[in-house]
Amino acid sequence: MDRDQKVALICGASGQDGSYLAKFLLGKGYVVWASSRDAQGASFSNWARLGIQPGQIKTLSMVPEDFRSVFMALRKSDPDEVYYLAGQSSVGLSFEQPAETIQSITLGTLNMLEACRMAERPVRLYQAGSSECFGDTLGEAANEATALKPSSPYAVAKASAYWLVENYRAAYNLYACTGILFNHESPLRPTRFVTQKIISTARRIASGSTEKLKLGRLDISRDWGWAPEYVEAMWLMLQQDVPEDYVIATGITVTLQDFVAEVFRCLDLDWKDHVVVDAEFLRPTDLLVSRADPSKAERQLGWKARYKVADVVKGMLG
């Protein structure tokens, strides 16, 4: 292989972030490998939506919870950079499947860290963290020094992965870092995510459906950004001289009600006529306010979110 080209392995490449990252890295001239539990059976349908042609990306099968599988995937792809985005990605689903969530994220991260440590050539590793790790910060903006207080099985798994990265970086001098990403959306979001549920239901209502949009709490507040921008931040983290962790967010927090209102406004509808609160969608625990301080990323990476909530809504509506 021509080592004049950088090689990247994306784990979790069929999802929203992995697909946008694959397109971004191809644009940078990378040789891109993508792992899936069953690469031959996977559809990778998001790639086609982004205009990625068959054959542009090399695929291989990898089971994150199986160390041998991870090690062999790393040896076959021989990457300069690994982007570990694999694992169960829904906070809501993690309450229904806590063991699967924790295993897929935490054990998978550990196996990849260990495989990178044993690699013949130095490998730079990005691990997808989450703002959910911070838990309830009582309205204070979270930054890289904020204590982790996870309050869901998903957040516990991501917090464990965060500390594993910290440990391997300190103990083994591994180039590994965590991107602590706040909510980020796009048309590639599955409908199990509340933002895509809102978009999809509002579109049907605008087309004549008489259904109601059923949601849980409308007073929760989140920092919603644009996924295609966030993958650039992932790449920038691995281009630095020293590996560090970064909070990636817009720095602007709005309520779910505001998000809903903006969606219906764009469709010339009044959300109050079409939305009901349903106790079925309340979670055992839920963060009331999620607020971010992404100033370190702007200062050290030169990265700043350009899309705000209104832009995100327009982008998802297409």
Protein backbone atom coordinates (compact mmCIF):
# COMPACT_ATOMS: atom_id res chain seq x y z
CA MET A 1 0.00 0.00 0.00
CA ASP A 2 1.16 3.50 -0.82
CA ARG A 3 1.95 5.03 2.57
CA ASP A 4 1.95 8.47 1.00
CA GLN A 5 -1.77 8.16 1.62
CA LYS A 6 -3.01 8.13 5.18
CA VAL A 7 -5.12 5.14 6.15
CA ALA A 8 -8.11 5.34 8.49
CA LEU A 9 -10.25 2.63 10.05
CA ILE A 10 -13.77 3.71 11.02
CA CYS A 11 -15.58 1.43 13.46
CA GLY A 12 -19.28 2.12 13.30
CA ALA A 13 -19.03 3.48 9.77
CA SER A 14 -22.61 2.77 8.73
CA GLY A 15 -24.21 5.20 11.18
CA GLN A 16 -24.69 8.95 10.95
CA ASP A 17 -21.27 10.06 12.18
CA GLY A 18 -19.37 7.22 10.54
CA SER A 19 -20.92 7.93 7.16
CA TYR A 20 -20.19 11.66 7.25
CA LEU A 21 -16.68 10.94 8.54
CA ALA A 22 -16.05 8.47 5.71
CA LYS A 23 -17.05 11.07 3.14
CA PHE A 24 -14.90 13.70 4.85
CA LEU A 25 -11.80 11.46 4.95
CA LEU A 26 -12.22 10.39 1.34
CA GLY A 27 -12.23 14.08 0.47
CA LYS A 28 -8.94 14.42 2.34
CA GLY A 29 -7.39 11.68 0.20
CA TYR A 30 -7.41 8.93 2.84
CA VAL A 31 -7.63 5.23 2.19
CA VAL A 32 -10.72 4.43 4.25
CA TRP A 33 -11.55 1.11 5.87
CA ALA A 34 -14.91 0.50 7.54
CA SER A 35 -15.76 -2.23 10.01
CA SER A 36 -19.12 -3.88 10.58
CA ARG A 37 -20.13 -6.97 12.53
CA ASP A 38 -21.01 -8.56 9.19
CA ALA A 39 -19.44 -6.52 6.41
CA GLN A 40 -20.77 -8.81 3.67
CA GLY A 41 -24.34 -8.56 4.93
CA ALA A 42 -24.33 -4.86 5.85
CA SER A 43 -26.15 -2.48 3.53
CA PHE A 44 -24.21 0.72 4.31
CA SER A 45 -27.21 2.55 2.83
CA ASN A 46 -26.16 5.90 4.29
CA TRP A 47 -23.08 5.92 2.05
CA ALA A 48 -25.21 5.93 -1.08
CA ARG A 49 -27.23 8.84 0.32
CA LEU A 50 -23.98 10.80 0.62
CA GLY A 51 -22.82 9.92 -2.88
CA ILE A 52 -20.11 7.47 -1.81
CA GLN A 53 -19.58 5.03 -4.66
CA PRO A 54 -19.19 1.24 -4.26
CA GLY A 55 -15.55 0.35 -3.93
CA GLN A 56 -14.44 3.72 -2.55
CA ILE A 57 -14.31 2.25 0.95
CA LYS A 58 -12.74 -1.05 1.96
CA THR A 59 -14.88 -3.09 4.36
CA LEU A 60 -14.10 -5.78 6.90
CA SER A 61 -15.99 -7.66 9.59
CA MET A 62 -15.21 -6.95 13.24
CA VAL A 63 -16.96 -7.85 16.50
CA PRO A 64 -15.97 -5.15 19.03
CA GLU A 65 -16.49 -7.39 22.07
CA ASP A 66 -14.09 -10.04 20.67
CA PHE A 67 -10.45 -8.99 21.12
CA ARG A 68 -9.13 -11.36 18.47
CA SER A 69 -11.60 -9.95 15.95
CA VAL A 70 -10.54 -6.39 16.79
CA PHE A 71 -6.85 -7.25 16.64
CA MET A 72 -7.20 -8.95 13.24
CA ALA A 73 -9.19 -6.01 11.86
CA LEU A 74 -6.47 -3.62 12.96
CA ARG A 75 -3.75 -5.81 11.48
CA LYS A 76 -5.58 -6.16 8.15
CA SER A 77 -6.33 -2.45 7.72
CA ASP A 78 -2.96 -1.29 9.17
CA PRO A 79 -4.30 2.24 9.81
CA ASP A 80 -2.63 5.47 10.81
CA GLU A 81 -5.85 6.58 12.50
CA VAL A 82 -8.74 4.71 14.11
CA TYR A 83 -12.12 6.31 14.75
CA TYR A 84 -14.01 4.21 17.26
CA LEU A 85 -17.69 5.15 16.84
CA ALA A 86 -19.13 1.66 17.35
CA GLY A 87 -21.61 0.60 20.00
CA GLN A 88 -25.26 1.04 20.93
CA SER A 89 -25.93 4.76 20.48
CA SER A 90 -29.38 5.45 21.95
CA VAL A 91 -29.79 6.75 25.50
CA GLY A 92 -33.42 5.65 25.59
CA LEU A 93 -32.65 2.14 24.34
CA SER A 94 -29.87 1.79 26.92
CA PHE A 95 -32.48 1.61 29.70
CA GLU A 96 -34.01 -1.39 27.93
CA GLN A 97 -30.67 -3.00 27.02
CA PRO A 98 -28.16 -1.90 29.68
CA ALA A 99 -25.86 -4.94 29.48
CA GLU A 100 -25.61 -4.86 25.67
CA THR A 101 -25.00 -1.11 25.73
CA ILE A 102 -22.21 -1.28 28.30
CA GLN A 103 -20.54 -4.28 26.66
CA SER A 104 -20.60 -2.87 23.13
CA ILE A 105 -19.19 0.51 24.17
CA THR A 106 -16.88 -0.21 27.10
CA LEU A 107 -15.48 -3.61 26.19
CA GLY A 108 -15.23 -2.59 22.55
CA THR A 109 -13.21 0.50 23.47
CA LEU A 110 -10.93 -1.55 25.72
CA ASN A 111 -10.28 -4.10 22.99
CA MET A 112 -9.45 -1.39 20.46
CA LEU A 113 -7.12 0.39 22.89
CA GLU A 114 -5.32 -2.86 23.61
CA ALA A 115 -5.04 -3.71 19.91
CA CYS A 116 -3.60 -0.25 19.20
CA ARG A 117 -1.11 -0.70 22.05
CA MET A 118 0.08 -3.96 20.48
CA ALA A 119 0.22 -2.63 16.91
CA GLU A 120 3.56 -2.69 15.14
CA ARG A 121 3.26 0.92 14.03
CA PRO A 122 1.98 3.88 16.07
CA VAL A 123 -1.79 4.31 15.73
CA ARG A 124 -3.80 7.40 16.67
CA LEU A 125 -7.18 6.61 18.20
CA TYR A 126 -10.31 8.73 18.45
CA GLN A 127 -13.03 7.53 20.81
CA ALA A 128 -16.56 8.90 20.53
CA GLY A 129 -17.51 10.28 23.92
CA SER A 130 -20.79 11.88 24.91
CA SER A 131 -22.10 14.89 26.80
CA GLU A 132 -24.38 12.42 28.62
CA CYS A 133 -21.34 11.55 30.76
CA PHE A 134 -21.64 14.88 32.57
CA GLY A 135 -25.11 14.14 33.90
CA ASP A 136 -26.89 17.06 35.51
CA THR A 137 -24.51 20.01 35.83
CA LEU A 138 -27.29 22.16 37.37
CA GLY A 139 -27.33 24.46 34.38
CA GLU A 140 -23.58 25.11 34.38
CA ALA A 141 -21.74 24.83 31.06
CA ALA A 142 -19.64 21.65 30.96
CA ASN A 143 -16.04 21.74 29.75
CA GLU A 144 -13.13 19.31 29.73
CA ALA A 145 -12.56 19.77 33.49
CA THR A 146 -16.16 19.11 34.52
CA ALA A 147 -16.69 16.00 36.68
CA LEU A 148 -18.49 13.06 35.10
CA LYS A 149 -21.81 12.07 36.72
CA PRO A 150 -23.49 9.64 34.32
CA SER A 151 -27.18 8.98 34.88
CA SER A 152 -28.07 6.36 32.22
CA PRO A 153 -26.58 3.00 31.20
CA TYR A 154 -25.40 4.65 27.98
CA ALA A 155 -23.70 7.45 29.92
CA VAL A 156 -22.08 4.95 32.31
CA ALA A 157 -20.67 3.07 29.32
CA LYS A 158 -19.34 6.23 27.69
CA ALA A 159 -17.84 7.42 30.98
CA SER A 160 -16.07 4.07 31.38
CA ALA A 161 -14.68 4.34 27.85
CA TYR A 162 -13.52 7.90 28.60
CA TRP A 163 -11.51 6.72 31.63
CA LEU A 164 -10.06 3.81 29.68
CA VAL A 165 -8.73 6.25 27.08
CA GLU A 166 -7.32 8.45 29.84
CA ASN A 167 -5.59 5.46 31.41
CA TYR A 168 -4.07 4.09 28.20
CA ARG A 169 -2.84 7.55 27.25
CA ALA A 170 -1.11 8.00 30.59
CA ALA A 171 0.08 4.43 31.22
CA TYR A 172 1.16 3.42 27.70
CA ASN A 173 1.82 6.77 26.03
CA LEU A 174 -0.82 5.90 23.43
CA TYR A 175 -2.08 8.67 21.17
CA ALA A 176 -5.73 8.40 22.14
CA CYS A 177 -8.35 11.02 22.76
CA THR A 178 -12.05 11.39 23.42
CA GLY A 179 -14.35 13.80 21.67
CA ILE A 180 -17.06 14.72 24.18
CA LEU A 181 -19.75 15.50 21.65
CA PHE A 182 -23.01 17.16 22.54
CA ASN A 183 -26.14 16.38 20.51
CA HIS A 184 -25.60 16.59 16.76
CA GLU A 185 -28.16 15.83 14.10
CA SER A 186 -28.64 15.33 10.35
CA PRO A 187 -31.02 13.67 7.89
CA LEU A 188 -29.16 10.41 8.56
CA ARG A 189 -30.46 10.20 12.14
CA PRO A 190 -32.61 7.06 12.72
CA THR A 191 -36.21 7.70 13.78
CA ARG A 192 -35.54 6.36 17.29
CA PHE A 193 -33.82 9.69 17.97
CA VAL A 194 -36.29 12.34 19.10
CA THR A 195 -35.15 14.97 16.59
CA GLN A 196 -35.76 12.68 13.61
CA LYS A 197 -39.05 11.53 15.15
CA ILE A 198 -40.15 15.18 15.33
CA ILE A 199 -39.05 15.89 11.75
CA SER A 200 -40.69 12.76 10.29
CA THR A 201 -43.98 13.17 12.15
CA ALA A 202 -44.23 16.90 11.39
CA ARG A 203 -43.68 16.19 7.68
CA ARG A 204 -46.52 13.66 7.65
CA ILE A 205 -48.82 16.10 9.45
CA ALA A 206 -47.93 18.82 6.94
CA SER A 207 -48.87 16.37 4.18
CA GLY A 208 -52.31 15.81 5.67
CA SER A 209 -51.90 13.21 8.41
CA THR A 210 -54.21 13.69 11.41
CA GLU A 211 -51.83 11.98 13.85
CA LYS A 212 -50.40 13.65 16.93
CA LEU A 213 -46.69 13.97 17.74
CA LYS A 214 -46.29 12.22 21.09
CA LEU A 215 -43.31 13.30 23.22
CA GLY A 216 -42.11 13.11 26.81
CA ARG A 217 -40.85 16.21 28.59
CA LEU A 218 -40.79 19.35 26.46
CA ASP A 219 -38.83 21.40 28.99
CA ILE A 220 -35.55 19.52 28.63
CA SER A 221 -32.79 21.65 27.10
CA ARG A 222 -30.03 20.48 24.78
CA ASP A 223 -27.19 21.84 22.65
CA TRP A 224 -28.05 20.65 19.13
CA GLY A 225 -25.44 20.89 16.37
CA TRP A 226 -24.92 19.72 12.79
CA ALA A 227 -23.26 16.30 12.45
CA PRO A 228 -21.26 17.00 9.24
CA GLU A 229 -19.41 19.78 11.10
CA TYR A 230 -18.65 17.58 14.08
CA VAL A 231 -16.76 14.92 12.11
CA GLU A 232 -14.22 17.57 11.10
CA ALA A 233 -13.56 18.13 14.82
CA MET A 234 -12.89 14.40 15.24
CA TRP A 235 -10.27 14.54 12.50
CA LEU A 236 -8.68 17.69 13.89
CA MET A 237 -8.16 16.00 17.27
CA LEU A 238 -5.93 13.39 15.65
CA GLN A 239 -3.83 15.99 13.80
CA GLN A 240 -2.49 17.64 16.99
CA ASP A 241 1.00 17.12 18.39
CA VAL A 242 -0.37 16.09 21.79
CA PRO A 243 -3.51 13.98 22.31
CA GLU A 244 -6.16 15.70 24.41
CA ASP A 245 -9.90 15.47 24.99
CA TYR A 246 -12.27 18.12 23.66
CA VAL A 247 -15.87 19.20 24.21
CA ILE A 248 -17.55 19.66 20.82
CA ALA A 249 -20.77 21.68 20.78
CA THR A 250 -22.35 24.92 19.56
CA GLY A 251 -22.37 26.54 23.00
CA ILE A 252 -26.07 27.38 22.60
CA THR A 253 -28.75 25.49 24.55
CA VAL A 254 -32.47 25.49 23.70
CA THR A 255 -35.49 23.56 24.98
CA LEU A 256 -37.05 20.65 23.15
CA GLN A 257 -40.18 22.78 22.89
CA ASP A 258 -38.19 25.41 20.99
CA PHE A 259 -36.87 22.72 18.63
CA VAL A 260 -40.39 21.43 18.04
CA ALA A 261 -41.77 24.94 17.48
CA GLU A 262 -39.06 25.70 14.90
CA VAL A 263 -39.81 22.51 12.96
CA PHE A 264 -43.54 23.23 12.77
CA ARG A 265 -42.90 26.91 12.01
CA CYS A 266 -40.82 25.92 8.99
CA LEU A 267 -43.80 23.88 7.81
CA ASP A 268 -46.25 26.76 8.42
CA LEU A 269 -47.93 24.95 11.32
CA ASP A 270 -48.57 25.76 14.98
CA TRP A 271 -46.97 23.03 17.06
CA LYS A 272 -49.54 23.43 19.85
CA ASP A 273 -52.20 22.00 17.54
CA HIS A 274 -50.27 18.81 16.87
CA VAL A 275 -48.17 17.86 19.92
CA VAL A 276 -49.19 15.95 23.06
CA VAL A 277 -47.17 14.92 26.10
CA ASP A 278 -47.34 11.17 26.67
CA ALA A 279 -46.05 9.54 29.87
CA GLU A 280 -44.98 6.51 27.81
CA PHE A 281 -42.01 8.51 26.55
CA LEU A 282 -40.72 9.62 29.95
CA ARG A 283 -37.35 8.07 30.88
CA PRO A 284 -36.42 6.67 34.32
CA THR A 285 -33.86 9.47 34.56
CA ASP A 286 -33.37 12.36 32.19
CA LEU A 287 -31.13 15.41 32.13
CA LEU A 288 -33.10 18.62 32.42
CA VAL A 289 -30.42 20.95 31.03
CA SER A 290 -27.37 20.10 28.92
CA ARG A 291 -25.04 23.07 28.45
CA ALA A 292 -21.57 23.20 26.87
CA ASP A 293 -18.43 25.30 26.86
CA PRO A 294 -16.60 24.42 23.60
CA SER A 295 -14.05 27.22 23.88
CA LYS A 296 -11.05 24.86 24.10
CA ALA A 297 -11.87 23.38 20.68
CA GLU A 298 -12.04 26.84 19.16
CA ARG A 299 -8.84 27.91 20.87
CA GLN A 300 -6.69 24.83 20.17
CA LEU A 301 -8.29 23.18 17.14
CA GLY A 302 -9.58 26.29 15.42
CA TRP A 303 -12.98 24.61 15.28
CA LYS A 304 -16.26 26.43 15.86
CA ALA A 305 -19.80 25.32 15.01
CA ARG A 306 -21.38 27.36 12.23
CA TYR A 307 -24.81 25.71 12.28
CA LYS A 308 -27.22 26.72 15.07
CA VAL A 309 -30.59 25.14 15.88
CA ALA A 310 -32.56 26.90 13.11
CA ASP A 311 -29.90 25.79 10.60
CA VAL A 312 -30.03 22.22 11.92
CA VAL A 313 -33.82 22.10 11.54
CA LYS A 314 -33.62 23.42 7.97
CA GLY A 315 -30.88 20.93 7.15
CA MET A 316 -32.93 18.01 8.48
CA LEU A 317 -36.05 19.13 6.64
CA GLY A 318 -33.99 19.35 3.43
